[in-house]
Amino acid sequence: MTPPIPTTEMIQRWPTEKVLVSEKNTRQPKAKDCQELILSIKTTGQSTPAIARPHPTKEGFLELAAGARRRTACHALGIDLAVVVRQLTDAELEDLILTENLQREDPDPESEAQARLNPPAAQTV
C-alpha cells in the first residue's frame, strides 16, 4: 500500500520499488557501487532520509531528488527507504539533484558542467 502524501513535511518509509531515481539525475547508482553504504545501513540504519516528490506521471510513486545511493542501498537490503516527501517544481527538483551530486567527493563531469552553466536558483544573486 502506498502511504498518503501529508500536507506537512515528515519522514515516511516507502518501498524502494515505489521510489524512482529521477531521469534528470545523471547518477544512476548500482548496488556494486554502494557496497560501503549498504554495509553502513545494514549495521546502523539509514541516518539521513532521502528527498522526493510525488511522481508527476506515475500515480502512487515518488521521484527522487536526493538520495539515489541510499535508495539503491535500501533496495539491495530489501528494506523501505526513509524519505521526506515535498511538493517540488521541476526547477527545485533539478536544483536538489545538482546540489546533492556536487557535494559528493567525486562529482561526475556532466553534473559539474551543467551546474556551472545553470547554477541552482538558491545560489544565484
PDB file of N, CA and C in Angstrom:
ATOM      1  N   MET A   1       0.843  -1.187   0.000  1.00  0.00           N
ATOM      2  CA  MET A   1       0.000   0.000   0.000  1.00  0.00           C
ATOM      3  C   MET A   1       0.888   1.250   0.000  1.00  0.00           C
ATOM      4  N   THR A   2       0.520   2.230  -0.773  1.00  0.00           N
ATOM      5  CA  THR A   2       1.267   3.472  -0.874  1.00  0.00           C
ATOM      6  C   THR A   2       0.855   4.410   0.256  1.00  0.00           C
ATOM      7  N   PRO A   3       1.845   4.926   1.037  1.00  0.00           N
ATOM      8  CA  PRO A   3       1.493   5.867   2.112  1.00  0.00           C
ATOM      9  C   PRO A   3       0.893   7.152   1.531  1.00  0.00           C
ATOM     10  N   PRO A   4      -0.038   7.783   2.240  1.00  0.00           N
ATOM     11  CA  PRO A   4      -0.589   9.057   1.757  1.00  0.00           C
ATOM     12  C   PRO A   4       0.471  10.157   1.825  1.00  0.00           C
ATOM     13  N   ILE A   5       0.358  11.159   0.953  1.00  0.00           N
ATOM     14  CA  ILE A   5       1.269  12.297   0.957  1.00  0.00           C
ATOM     15  C   ILE A   5       0.715  13.322   1.953  1.00  0.00           C
ATOM     16  N   PRO A   6       1.425  13.576   3.055  1.00  0.00           N
ATOM     17  CA  PRO A   6       0.911  14.531   4.041  1.00  0.00           C
ATOM     18  C   PRO A   6       1.094  15.970   3.555  1.00  0.00           C
ATOM     19  N   THR A   7       0.361  16.870   4.163  1.00  0.00           N
ATOM     20  CA  THR A   7       0.491  18.286   3.818  1.00  0.00           C
ATOM     21  C   THR A   7       1.638  18.934   4.585  1.00  0.00           C
ATOM     22  N   THR A   8       2.083  18.317   5.673  1.00  0.00           N
ATOM     23  CA  THR A   8       3.253  18.810   6.400  1.00  0.00           C
ATOM     24  C   THR A   8       4.413  17.866   6.114  1.00  0.00           C
ATOM     25  N   GLU A   9       5.619  18.407   6.211  1.00  0.00           N
ATOM     26  CA  GLU A   9       6.801  17.615   5.898  1.00  0.00           C
ATOM     27  C   GLU A   9       7.151  16.695   7.055  1.00  0.00           C
ATOM     28  N   MET A  10       7.324  15.409   6.745  1.00  0.00           N
ATOM     29  CA  MET A  10       7.716  14.442   7.751  1.00  0.00           C
ATOM     30  C   MET A  10       8.411  13.273   7.068  1.00  0.00           C
ATOM     31  N   ILE A  11       9.167  12.521   7.843  1.00  0.00           N
ATOM     32  CA  ILE A  11       9.857  11.357   7.299  1.00  0.00           C
ATOM     33  C   ILE A  11       8.869  10.203   7.219  1.00  0.00           C
ATOM     34  N   GLN A  12       8.848   9.577   6.048  1.00  0.00           N
ATOM     35  CA  GLN A  12       7.987   8.417   5.811  1.00  0.00           C
ATOM     36  C   GLN A  12       8.860   7.253   5.371  1.00  0.00           C
ATOM     37  N   ARG A  13       8.341   6.047   5.447  1.00  0.00           N
ATOM     38  CA  ARG A  13       9.031   4.874   4.934  1.00  0.00           C
ATOM     39  C   ARG A  13       8.259   4.382   3.715  1.00  0.00           C
ATOM     40  N   TRP A  14       8.985   4.279   2.594  1.00  0.00           N
ATOM     41  CA  TRP A  14       8.387   3.858   1.329  1.00  0.00           C
ATOM     42  C   TRP A  14       9.114   2.632   0.791  1.00  0.00           C
ATOM     43  N   PRO A  15       8.372   1.711   0.164  1.00  0.00           N
ATOM     44  CA  PRO A  15       9.033   0.592  -0.505  1.00  0.00           C
ATOM     45  C   PRO A  15       9.894   1.146  -1.647  1.00  0.00           C
ATOM     46  N   THR A  16      11.104   0.629  -1.782  1.00  0.00           N
ATOM     47  CA  THR A  16      12.016   1.166  -2.800  1.00  0.00           C
ATOM     48  C   THR A  16      11.457   1.006  -4.215  1.00  0.00           C
ATOM     49  N   GLU A  17      10.598   0.033  -4.425  1.00  0.00           N
ATOM     50  CA  GLU A  17      10.003  -0.163  -5.753  1.00  0.00           C
ATOM     51  C   GLU A  17       9.097   1.002  -6.151  1.00  0.00           C
ATOM     52  N   LYS A  18       8.648   1.776  -5.150  1.00  0.00           N
ATOM     53  CA  LYS A  18       7.759   2.913  -5.399  1.00  0.00           C
ATOM     54  C   LYS A  18       8.502   4.246  -5.454  1.00  0.00           C
ATOM     55  N   VAL A  19       9.831   4.199  -5.239  1.00  0.00           N
ATOM     56  CA  VAL A  19      10.654   5.407  -5.250  1.00  0.00           C
ATOM     57  C   VAL A  19      11.607   5.303  -6.435  1.00  0.00           C
ATOM     58  N   LEU A  20      11.391   6.135  -7.442  1.00  0.00           N
ATOM     59  CA  LEU A  20      12.166   6.056  -8.678  1.00  0.00           C
ATOM     60  C   LEU A  20      13.223   7.159  -8.732  1.00  0.00           C
ATOM     61  N   VAL A  21      14.444   6.779  -9.084  1.00  0.00           N
ATOM     62  CA  VAL A  21      15.506   7.764  -9.276  1.00  0.00           C
ATOM     63  C   VAL A  21      15.117   8.598 -10.490  1.00  0.00           C
ATOM     64  N   SER A  22      15.159   9.914 -10.350  1.00  0.00           N
ATOM     65  CA  SER A  22      14.749  10.806 -11.429  1.00  0.00           C
ATOM     66  C   SER A  22      15.605  10.584 -12.669  1.00  0.00           C
ATOM     67  N   GLU A  23      14.962  10.625 -13.820  1.00  0.00           N
ATOM     68  CA  GLU A  23      15.692  10.543 -15.089  1.00  0.00           C
ATOM     69  C   GLU A  23      16.568  11.771 -15.281  1.00  0.00           C
ATOM     70  N   LYS A  24      16.289  12.839 -14.540  1.00  0.00           N
ATOM     71  CA  LYS A  24      17.094  14.068 -14.625  1.00  0.00           C
ATOM     72  C   LYS A  24      18.422  13.911 -13.885  1.00  0.00           C
ATOM     73  N   ASN A  25      18.547  12.859 -13.090  1.00  0.00           N
ATOM     74  CA  ASN A  25      19.769  12.625 -12.319  1.00  0.00           C
ATOM     75  C   ASN A  25      20.791  11.916 -13.203  1.00  0.00           C
ATOM     76  N   THR A  26      21.958  12.522 -13.374  1.00  0.00           N
ATOM     77  CA  THR A  26      22.994  11.912 -14.200  1.00  0.00           C
ATOM     78  C   THR A  26      23.643  10.726 -13.492  1.00  0.00           C
ATOM     79  N   ARG A  27      23.404  10.580 -12.193  1.00  0.00           N
ATOM     80  CA  ARG A  27      23.908   9.423 -11.447  1.00  0.00           C
ATOM     81  C   ARG A  27      22.787   8.414 -11.290  1.00  0.00           C
ATOM     82  N   GLN A  28      23.024   7.234 -11.794  1.00  0.00           N
ATOM     83  CA  GLN A  28      22.078   6.133 -11.642  1.00  0.00           C
ATOM     84  C   GLN A  28      22.857   5.000 -10.968  1.00  0.00           C
ATOM     85  N   PRO A  29      23.009   5.068  -9.634  1.00  0.00           N
ATOM     86  CA  PRO A  29      23.893   4.138  -8.935  1.00  0.00           C
ATOM     87  C   PRO A  29      23.431   2.684  -9.018  1.00  0.00           C
ATOM     88  N   LYS A  30      24.416   1.803  -8.997  1.00  0.00           N
ATOM     89  CA  LYS A  30      24.196   0.356  -8.966  1.00  0.00           C
ATOM     90  C   LYS A  30      24.659  -0.155  -7.598  1.00  0.00           C
ATOM     91  N   ALA A  31      24.116  -1.286  -7.172  1.00  0.00           N
ATOM     92  CA  ALA A  31      24.452  -1.845  -5.864  1.00  0.00           C
ATOM     93  C   ALA A  31      25.957  -2.082  -5.721  1.00  0.00           C
ATOM     94  N   LYS A  32      26.629  -2.491  -6.795  1.00  0.00           N
ATOM     95  CA  LYS A  32      28.066  -2.762  -6.712  1.00  0.00           C
ATOM     96  C   LYS A  32      28.860  -1.497  -6.374  1.00  0.00           C
ATOM     97  N   ASP A  33      28.289  -0.323  -6.678  1.00  0.00           N
ATOM     98  CA  ASP A  33      28.954   0.952  -6.387  1.00  0.00           C
ATOM     99  C   ASP A  33      28.614   1.486  -4.999  1.00  0.00           C
ATOM    100  N   CYS A  34      27.743   0.813  -4.296  1.00  0.00           N
ATOM    101  CA  CYS A  34      27.258   1.308  -3.000  1.00  0.00           C
ATOM    102  C   CYS A  34      27.542   0.335  -1.861  1.00  0.00           C
ATOM    103  N   GLN A  35      28.522  -0.541  -2.025  1.00  0.00           N
ATOM    104  CA  GLN A  35      28.771  -1.585  -1.030  1.00  0.00           C
ATOM    105  C   GLN A  35      29.069  -1.026   0.364  1.00  0.00           C
ATOM    106  N   GLU A  36      29.844   0.034   0.428  1.00  0.00           N
ATOM    107  CA  GLU A  36      30.171   0.628   1.729  1.00  0.00           C
ATOM    108  C   GLU A  36      28.913   1.184   2.397  1.00  0.00           C
ATOM    109  N   LEU A  37      28.071   1.852   1.608  1.00  0.00           N
ATOM    110  CA  LEU A  37      26.825   2.401   2.157  1.00  0.00           C
ATOM    111  C   LEU A  37      25.866   1.276   2.549  1.00  0.00           C
ATOM    112  N   ILE A  38      25.803   0.219   1.762  1.00  0.00           N
ATOM    113  CA  ILE A  38      24.954  -0.933   2.100  1.00  0.00           C
ATOM    114  C   ILE A  38      25.360  -1.490   3.462  1.00  0.00           C
ATOM    115  N   LEU A  39      26.654  -1.659   3.670  1.00  0.00           N
ATOM    116  CA  LEU A  39      27.147  -2.175   4.953  1.00  0.00           C
ATOM    117  C   LEU A  39      26.810  -1.219   6.097  1.00  0.00           C
ATOM    118  N   SER A  40      26.967   0.075   5.855  1.00  0.00           N
ATOM    119  CA  SER A  40      26.668   1.070   6.876  1.00  0.00           C
ATOM    120  C   SER A  40      25.191   1.041   7.270  1.00  0.00           C
ATOM    121  N   ILE A  41      24.318   1.016   6.281  1.00  0.00           N
ATOM    122  CA  ILE A  41      22.873   0.996   6.565  1.00  0.00           C
ATOM    123  C   ILE A  41      22.479  -0.316   7.231  1.00  0.00           C
ATOM    124  N   LYS A  42      23.093  -1.418   6.797  1.00  0.00           N
ATOM    125  CA  LYS A  42      22.808  -2.707   7.421  1.00  0.00           C
ATOM    126  C   LYS A  42      23.214  -2.694   8.894  1.00  0.00           C
ATOM    127  N   THR A  43      24.339  -2.038   9.203  1.00  0.00           N
ATOM    128  CA  THR A  43      24.879  -2.016  10.558  1.00  0.00           C
ATOM    129  C   THR A  43      24.174  -1.007  11.460  1.00  0.00           C
ATOM    130  N   THR A  44      23.976   0.224  10.953  1.00  0.00           N
ATOM    131  CA  THR A  44      23.469   1.295  11.825  1.00  0.00           C
ATOM    132  C   THR A  44      22.136   1.886  11.391  1.00  0.00           C
ATOM    133  N   GLY A  45      21.631   1.482  10.256  1.00  0.00           N
ATOM    134  CA  GLY A  45      20.376   2.031   9.760  1.00  0.00           C
ATOM    135  C   GLY A  45      20.610   3.240   8.873  1.00  0.00           C
ATOM    136  N   GLN A  46      19.563   3.714   8.271  1.00  0.00           N
ATOM    137  CA  GLN A  46      19.630   4.879   7.383  1.00  0.00           C
ATOM    138  C   GLN A  46      19.587   6.141   8.233  1.00  0.00           C
ATOM    139  N   SER A  47      20.696   6.878   8.283  1.00  0.00           N
ATOM    140  CA  SER A  47      20.781   8.034   9.174  1.00  0.00           C
ATOM    141  C   SER A  47      20.210   9.307   8.568  1.00  0.00           C
ATOM    142  N   THR A  48      20.159   9.384   7.245  1.00  0.00           N
ATOM    143  CA  THR A  48      19.669  10.587   6.575  1.00  0.00           C
ATOM    144  C   THR A  48      18.558  10.205   5.607  1.00  0.00           C
ATOM    145  N   PRO A  49      17.397  10.836   5.702  1.00  0.00           N
ATOM    146  CA  PRO A  49      16.323  10.487   4.766  1.00  0.00           C
ATOM    147  C   PRO A  49      16.609  11.021   3.363  1.00  0.00           C
ATOM    148  N   ALA A  50      16.040  10.368   2.384  1.00  0.00           N
ATOM    149  CA  ALA A  50      16.081  10.853   1.011  1.00  0.00           C
ATOM    150  C   ALA A  50      15.036  11.964   0.884  1.00  0.00           C
ATOM    151  N   ILE A  51      15.078  12.685  -0.230  1.00  0.00           N
ATOM    152  CA  ILE A  51      14.076  13.722  -0.509  1.00  0.00           C
ATOM    153  C   ILE A  51      13.458  13.400  -1.858  1.00  0.00           C
ATOM    154  N   ALA A  52      12.134  13.416  -1.924  1.00  0.00           N
ATOM    155  CA  ALA A  52      11.435  13.082  -3.157  1.00  0.00           C
ATOM    156  C   ALA A  52      10.174  13.915  -3.279  1.00  0.00           C
ATOM    157  N   ARG A  53       9.595  13.848  -4.470  1.00  0.00           N
ATOM    158  CA  ARG A  53       8.289  14.487  -4.701  1.00  0.00           C
ATOM    159  C   ARG A  53       7.348  13.443  -5.276  1.00  0.00           C
ATOM    160  N   PRO A  54       6.040  13.678  -5.180  1.00  0.00           N
ATOM    161  CA  PRO A  54       5.121  12.770  -5.851  1.00  0.00           C
ATOM    162  C   PRO A  54       5.491  12.727  -7.344  1.00  0.00           C
ATOM    163  N   HIS A  55       5.562  11.531  -7.904  1.00  0.00           N
ATOM    164  CA  HIS A  55       5.966  11.415  -9.312  1.00  0.00           C
ATOM    165  C   HIS A  55       4.941  12.129 -10.188  1.00  0.00           C
ATOM    166  N   PRO A  56       5.414  12.975 -11.125  1.00  0.00           N
ATOM    167  CA  PRO A  56       4.481  13.776 -11.923  1.00  0.00           C
ATOM    168  C   PRO A  56       3.642  12.971 -12.917  1.00  0.00           C
ATOM    169  N   THR A  57       4.080  11.754 -13.275  1.00  0.00           N
ATOM    170  CA  THR A  57       3.317  10.989 -14.278  1.00  0.00           C
ATOM    171  C   THR A  57       2.935   9.590 -13.818  1.00  0.00           C
ATOM    172  N   LYS A  58       3.441   9.141 -12.681  1.00  0.00           N
ATOM    173  CA  LYS A  58       3.152   7.789 -12.193  1.00  0.00           C
ATOM    174  C   LYS A  58       2.511   7.870 -10.814  1.00  0.00           C
ATOM    175  N   GLU A  59       1.205   7.780 -10.789  1.00  0.00           N
ATOM    176  CA  GLU A  59       0.470   7.890  -9.529  1.00  0.00           C
ATOM    177  C   GLU A  59       0.891   6.780  -8.564  1.00  0.00           C
ATOM    178  N   GLY A  60       1.080   7.164  -7.301  1.00  0.00           N
ATOM    179  CA  GLY A  60       1.469   6.207  -6.283  1.00  0.00           C
ATOM    180  C   GLY A  60       2.968   5.981  -6.204  1.00  0.00           C
ATOM    181  N   PHE A  61       3.738   6.742  -6.989  1.00  0.00           N
ATOM    182  CA  PHE A  61       5.196   6.635  -6.983  1.00  0.00           C
ATOM    183  C   PHE A  61       5.800   7.975  -6.596  1.00  0.00           C
ATOM    184  N   LEU A  62       7.067   7.926  -6.169  1.00  0.00           N
ATOM    185  CA  LEU A  62       7.821   9.132  -5.873  1.00  0.00           C
ATOM    186  C   LEU A  62       8.957   9.277  -6.868  1.00  0.00           C
ATOM    187  N   GLU A  63       9.349  10.531  -7.145  1.00  0.00           N
ATOM    188  CA  GLU A  63      10.519  10.833  -7.961  1.00  0.00           C
ATOM    189  C   GLU A  63      11.593  11.371  -7.023  1.00  0.00           C
ATOM    190  N   LEU A  64      12.718  10.700  -6.998  1.00  0.00           N
ATOM    191  CA  LEU A  64      13.776  11.014  -6.052  1.00  0.00           C
ATOM    192  C   LEU A  64      14.573  12.233  -6.483  1.00  0.00           C
ATOM    193  N   ALA A  65      14.744  13.177  -5.548  1.00  0.00           N
ATOM    194  CA  ALA A  65      15.558  14.374  -5.789  1.00  0.00           C
ATOM    195  C   ALA A  65      16.927  14.236  -5.136  1.00  0.00           C
ATOM    196  N   ALA A  66      16.995  13.607  -3.983  1.00  0.00           N
ATOM    197  CA  ALA A  66      18.253  13.421  -3.253  1.00  0.00           C
ATOM    198  C   ALA A  66      18.191  12.072  -2.548  1.00  0.00           C
ATOM    199  N   GLY A  67      19.251  11.289  -2.728  1.00  0.00           N
ATOM    200  CA  GLY A  67      19.318  10.008  -2.029  1.00  0.00           C
ATOM    201  C   GLY A  67      19.307   8.794  -2.932  1.00  0.00           C
ATOM    202  N   ALA A  68      19.781   8.918  -4.157  1.00  0.00           N
ATOM    203  CA  ALA A  68      19.782   7.783  -5.080  1.00  0.00           C
ATOM    204  C   ALA A  68      20.623   6.624  -4.543  1.00  0.00           C
ATOM    205  N   ARG A  69      21.766   6.927  -3.949  1.00  0.00           N
ATOM    206  CA  ARG A  69      22.609   5.867  -3.387  1.00  0.00           C
ATOM    207  C   ARG A  69      21.933   5.222  -2.171  1.00  0.00           C
ATOM    208  N   ARG A  70      21.253   6.034  -1.352  1.00  0.00           N
ATOM    209  CA  ARG A  70      20.528   5.484  -0.198  1.00  0.00           C
ATOM    210  C   ARG A  70      19.410   4.559  -0.669  1.00  0.00           C
ATOM    211  N   ARG A  71      18.713   4.979  -1.726  1.00  0.00           N
ATOM    212  CA  ARG A  71      17.642   4.148  -2.283  1.00  0.00           C
ATOM    213  C   ARG A  71      18.207   2.827  -2.800  1.00  0.00           C
ATOM    214  N   THR A  72      19.327   2.895  -3.511  1.00  0.00           N
ATOM    215  CA  THR A  72      19.960   1.691  -4.047  1.00  0.00           C
ATOM    216  C   THR A  72      20.379   0.758  -2.918  1.00  0.00           C
ATOM    217  N   ALA A  73      20.968   1.313  -1.861  1.00  0.00           N
ATOM    218  CA  ALA A  73      21.407   0.508  -0.722  1.00  0.00           C
ATOM    219  C   ALA A  73      20.221  -0.142  -0.015  1.00  0.00           C
ATOM    220  N   CYS A  74      19.171   0.627   0.238  1.00  0.00           N
ATOM    221  CA  CYS A  74      17.986   0.076   0.903  1.00  0.00           C
ATOM    222  C   CYS A  74      17.338  -0.998   0.040  1.00  0.00           C
ATOM    223  N   HIS A  75      17.308  -0.778  -1.265  1.00  0.00           N
ATOM    224  CA  HIS A  75      16.743  -1.774  -2.179  1.00  0.00           C
ATOM    225  C   HIS A  75      17.547  -3.074  -2.106  1.00  0.00           C
ATOM    226  N   ALA A  76      18.885  -2.953  -2.106  1.00  0.00           N
ATOM    227  CA  ALA A  76      19.741  -4.133  -2.024  1.00  0.00           C
ATOM    228  C   ALA A  76      19.511  -4.891  -0.720  1.00  0.00           C
ATOM    229  N   LEU A  77      19.202  -4.170   0.343  1.00  0.00           N
ATOM    230  CA  LEU A  77      18.959  -4.782   1.653  1.00  0.00           C
ATOM    231  C   LEU A  77      17.520  -5.272   1.823  1.00  0.00           C
ATOM    232  N   GLY A  78      16.644  -4.890   0.888  1.00  0.00           N
ATOM    233  CA  GLY A  78      15.248  -5.309   0.976  1.00  0.00           C
ATOM    234  C   GLY A  78      14.469  -4.580   2.054  1.00  0.00           C
ATOM    235  N   ILE A  79      14.866  -3.340   2.341  1.00  0.00           N
ATOM    236  CA  ILE A  79      14.162  -2.560   3.369  1.00  0.00           C
ATOM    237  C   ILE A  79      13.568  -1.297   2.755  1.00  0.00           C
ATOM    238  N   ASP A  80      12.572  -0.740   3.437  1.00  0.00           N
ATOM    239  CA  ASP A  80      11.960   0.503   2.977  1.00  0.00           C
ATOM    240  C   ASP A  80      12.946   1.657   3.101  1.00  0.00           C
ATOM    241  N   LEU A  81      12.726   2.670   2.295  1.00  0.00           N
ATOM    242  CA  LEU A  81      13.559   3.877   2.283  1.00  0.00           C
ATOM    243  C   LEU A  81      12.898   4.960   3.128  1.00  0.00           C
ATOM    244  N   ALA A  82      13.671   5.565   4.029  1.00  0.00           N
ATOM    245  CA  ALA A  82      13.187   6.731   4.776  1.00  0.00           C
ATOM    246  C   ALA A  82      13.283   7.921   3.838  1.00  0.00           C
ATOM    247  N   VAL A  83      12.172   8.620   3.650  1.00  0.00           N
ATOM    248  CA  VAL A  83      12.126   9.700   2.669  1.00  0.00           C
ATOM    249  C   VAL A  83      11.228  10.829   3.153  1.00  0.00           C
ATOM    250  N   VAL A  84      11.658  12.057   2.862  1.00  0.00           N
ATOM    251  CA  VAL A  84      10.833  13.237   3.089  1.00  0.00           C
ATOM    252  C   VAL A  84      10.177  13.559   1.744  1.00  0.00           C
ATOM    253  N   VAL A  85       8.866  13.645   1.738  1.00  0.00           N
ATOM    254  CA  VAL A  85       8.134  13.934   0.509  1.00  0.00           C
ATOM    255  C   VAL A  85       7.783  15.415   0.496  1.00  0.00           C
ATOM    256  N   ARG A  86       8.204  16.091  -0.581  1.00  0.00           N
ATOM    257  CA  ARG A  86       7.941  17.523  -0.736  1.00  0.00           C
ATOM    258  C   ARG A  86       7.251  17.780  -2.056  1.00  0.00           C
ATOM    259  N   GLN A  87       6.503  18.868  -2.098  1.00  0.00           N
ATOM    260  CA  GLN A  87       5.974  19.350  -3.368  1.00  0.00           C
ATOM    261  C   GLN A  87       7.080  20.187  -4.001  1.00  0.00           C
ATOM    262  N   LEU A  88       7.664  19.722  -5.092  1.00  0.00           N
ATOM    263  CA  LEU A  88       8.780  20.405  -5.747  1.00  0.00           C
ATOM    264  C   LEU A  88       8.447  20.698  -7.202  1.00  0.00           C
ATOM    265  N   THR A  89       8.831  21.887  -7.648  1.00  0.00           N
ATOM    266  CA  THR A  89       8.723  22.192  -9.075  1.00  0.00           C
ATOM    267  C   THR A  89       9.854  21.452  -9.791  1.00  0.00           C
ATOM    268  N   ASP A  90       9.807  21.425 -11.117  1.00  0.00           N
ATOM    269  CA  ASP A  90      10.898  20.813 -11.879  1.00  0.00           C
ATOM    270  C   ASP A  90      12.221  21.499 -11.574  1.00  0.00           C
ATOM    271  N   ALA A  91      12.210  22.826 -11.485  1.00  0.00           N
ATOM    272  CA  ALA A  91      13.443  23.578 -11.209  1.00  0.00           C
ATOM    273  C   ALA A  91      13.985  23.238  -9.825  1.00  0.00           C
ATOM    274  N   GLU A  92      13.113  23.143  -8.824  1.00  0.00           N
ATOM    275  CA  GLU A  92      13.553  22.799  -7.470  1.00  0.00           C
ATOM    276  C   GLU A  92      14.111  21.378  -7.420  1.00  0.00           C
ATOM    277  N   LEU A  93      13.477  20.470  -8.140  1.00  0.00           N
ATOM    278  CA  LEU A  93      13.961  19.095  -8.218  1.00  0.00           C
ATOM    279  C   LEU A  93      15.364  19.063  -8.815  1.00  0.00           C
ATOM    280  N   GLU A  94      15.557  19.753  -9.928  1.00  0.00           N
ATOM    281  CA  GLU A  94      16.860  19.784 -10.582  1.00  0.00           C
ATOM    282  C   GLU A  94      17.915  20.436  -9.693  1.00  0.00           C
ATOM    283  N   ASP A  95      17.547  21.487  -8.970  1.00  0.00           N
ATOM    284  CA  ASP A  95      18.472  22.136  -8.031  1.00  0.00           C
ATOM    285  C   ASP A  95      18.949  21.147  -6.966  1.00  0.00           C
ATOM    286  N   LEU A  96      18.017  20.401  -6.394  1.00  0.00           N
ATOM    287  CA  LEU A  96      18.380  19.429  -5.364  1.00  0.00           C
ATOM    288  C   LEU A  96      19.281  18.334  -5.928  1.00  0.00           C
ATOM    289  N   ILE A  97      18.957  17.852  -7.111  1.00  0.00           N
ATOM    290  CA  ILE A  97      19.783  16.814  -7.737  1.00  0.00           C
ATOM    291  C   ILE A  97      21.200  17.327  -7.951  1.00  0.00           C
ATOM    292  N   LEU A  98      21.330  18.521  -8.537  1.00  0.00           N
ATOM    293  CA  LEU A  98      22.657  19.077  -8.804  1.00  0.00           C
ATOM    294  C   LEU A  98      23.428  19.335  -7.513  1.00  0.00           C
ATOM    295  N   THR A  99      22.760  19.904  -6.522  1.00  0.00           N
ATOM    296  CA  THR A  99      23.415  20.191  -5.250  1.00  0.00           C
ATOM    297  C   THR A  99      23.928  18.907  -4.613  1.00  0.00           C
ATOM    298  N   GLU A 100      23.084  17.883  -4.577  1.00  0.00           N
ATOM    299  CA  GLU A 100      23.493  16.608  -3.981  1.00  0.00           C
ATOM    300  C   GLU A 100      24.662  16.000  -4.750  1.00  0.00           C
ATOM    301  N   ASN A 101      24.605  16.014  -6.068  1.00  0.00           N
ATOM    302  CA  ASN A 101      25.681  15.423  -6.861  1.00  0.00           C
ATOM    303  C   ASN A 101      26.996  16.176  -6.690  1.00  0.00           C
ATOM    304  N   LEU A 102      26.931  17.500  -6.616  1.00  0.00           N
ATOM    305  CA  LEU A 102      28.159  18.289  -6.485  1.00  0.00           C
ATOM    306  C   LEU A 102      28.766  18.193  -5.094  1.00  0.00           C
ATOM    307  N   GLN A 103      27.978  17.846  -4.092  1.00  0.00           N
ATOM    308  CA  GLN A 103      28.504  17.710  -2.735  1.00  0.00           C
ATOM    309  C   GLN A 103      29.255  16.397  -2.540  1.00  0.00           C
ATOM    310  N   ARG A 104      29.105  15.487  -3.472  1.00  0.00           N
ATOM    311  CA  ARG A 104      29.845  14.220  -3.390  1.00  0.00           C
ATOM    312  C   ARG A 104      31.318  14.476  -3.657  1.00  0.00           C
ATOM    313  N   GLU A 105      32.159  13.628  -3.155  1.00  0.00           N
ATOM    314  CA  GLU A 105      33.598  13.791  -3.328  1.00  0.00           C
ATOM    315  C   GLU A 105      34.021  13.667  -4.784  1.00  0.00           C
ATOM    316  N   ASP A 106      33.281  12.892  -5.547  1.00  0.00           N
ATOM    317  CA  ASP A 106      33.652  12.631  -6.935  1.00  0.00           C
ATOM    318  C   ASP A 106      32.509  12.999  -7.888  1.00  0.00           C
ATOM    319  N   PRO A 107      32.187  14.304  -7.996  1.00  0.00           N
ATOM    320  CA  PRO A 107      31.085  14.680  -8.873  1.00  0.00           C
ATOM    321  C   PRO A 107      31.387  14.274 -10.317  1.00  0.00           C
ATOM    322  N   ASP A 108      30.347  13.819 -11.002  1.00  0.00           N
ATOM    323  CA  ASP A 108      30.583  13.423 -12.385  1.00  0.00           C
ATOM    324  C   ASP A 108      30.685  14.666 -13.265  1.00  0.00           C
ATOM    325  N   PRO A 109      31.474  14.610 -14.334  1.00  0.00           N
ATOM    326  CA  PRO A 109      31.720  15.785 -15.172  1.00  0.00           C
ATOM    327  C   PRO A 109      30.455  16.404 -15.757  1.00  0.00           C
ATOM    328  N   GLU A 110      29.475  15.590 -16.116  1.00  0.00           N
ATOM    329  CA  GLU A 110      28.243  16.124 -16.705  1.00  0.00           C
ATOM    330  C   GLU A 110      27.488  17.000 -15.708  1.00  0.00           C
ATOM    331  N   SER A 111      27.351  16.528 -14.466  1.00  0.00           N
ATOM    332  CA  SER A 111      26.666  17.326 -13.436  1.00  0.00           C
ATOM    333  C   SER A 111      27.422  18.607 -13.136  1.00  0.00           C
ATOM    334  N   GLU A 112      28.744  18.504 -13.058  1.00  0.00           N
ATOM    335  CA  GLU A 112      29.557  19.673 -12.754  1.00  0.00           C
ATOM    336  C   GLU A 112      29.437  20.723 -13.856  1.00  0.00           C
ATOM    337  N   ALA A 113      29.485  20.286 -15.112  1.00  0.00           N
ATOM    338  CA  ALA A 113      29.349  21.223 -16.234  1.00  0.00           C
ATOM    339  C   ALA A 113      27.961  21.851 -16.248  1.00  0.00           C
ATOM    340  N   GLN A 114      26.948  21.043 -16.017  1.00  0.00           N
ATOM    341  CA  GLN A 114      25.577  21.555 -16.005  1.00  0.00           C
ATOM    342  C   GLN A 114      25.398  22.583 -14.890  1.00  0.00           C
ATOM    343  N   ALA A 115      25.966  22.308 -13.722  1.00  0.00           N
ATOM    344  CA  ALA A 115      25.836  23.236 -12.595  1.00  0.00           C
ATOM    345  C   ALA A 115      26.549  24.551 -12.874  1.00  0.00           C
ATOM    346  N   ARG A 116      27.665  24.484 -13.554  1.00  0.00           N
ATOM    347  CA  ARG A 116      28.396  25.719 -13.876  1.00  0.00           C
ATOM    348  C   ARG A 116      27.653  26.551 -14.920  1.00  0.00           C
ATOM    349  N   LEU A 117      27.002  25.870 -15.853  1.00  0.00           N
ATOM    350  CA  LEU A 117      26.245  26.587 -16.888  1.00  0.00           C
ATOM    351  C   LEU A 117      24.911  27.107 -16.366  1.00  0.00           C
ATOM    352  N   ASN A 118      24.283  26.338 -15.488  1.00  0.00           N
ATOM    353  CA  ASN A 118      22.967  26.665 -14.929  1.00  0.00           C
ATOM    354  C   ASN A 118      23.009  26.488 -13.423  1.00  0.00           C
ATOM    355  N   PRO A 119      23.574  27.445 -12.688  1.00  0.00           N
ATOM    356  CA  PRO A 119      23.672  27.259 -11.233  1.00  0.00           C
ATOM    357  C   PRO A 119      22.280  27.157 -10.592  1.00  0.00           C
ATOM    358  N   PRO A 120      22.174  26.343  -9.520  1.00  0.00           N
ATOM    359  CA  PRO A 120      20.897  26.250  -8.825  1.00  0.00           C
ATOM    360  C   PRO A 120      20.378  27.619  -8.422  1.00  0.00           C
ATOM    361  N   ALA A 121      19.068  27.797  -8.456  1.00  0.00           N
ATOM    362  CA  ALA A 121      18.442  29.081  -8.167  1.00  0.00           C
ATOM    363  C   ALA A 121      18.862  29.633  -6.808  1.00  0.00           C
ATOM    364  N   ALA A 122      19.054  28.738  -5.841  1.00  0.00           N
ATOM    365  CA  ALA A 122      19.413  29.171  -4.490  1.00  0.00           C
ATOM    366  C   ALA A 122      20.801  29.823  -4.459  1.00  0.00           C
ATOM    367  N   GLN A 123      21.631  29.539  -5.481  1.00  0.00           N
ATOM    368  CA  GLN A 123      22.976  30.083  -5.474  1.00  0.00           C
ATOM    369  C   GLN A 123      23.102  31.345  -6.310  1.00  0.00           C
ATOM    370  N   THR A 124      22.069  31.707  -7.060  1.00  0.00           N
ATOM    371  CA  THR A 124      22.153  32.890  -7.885  1.00  0.00           C
ATOM    372  C   THR A 124      21.866  34.131  -7.046  1.00  0.00           C
ATOM    373  N   VAL A 125      22.376  35.268  -7.468  1.00  0.00           N
ATOM    374  CA  VAL A 125      22.193  36.510  -6.713  1.00  0.00           C
ATOM    375  C   VAL A 125      21.127  37.341  -7.360  1.00  0.00           C
TER     376      VAL A 125
END
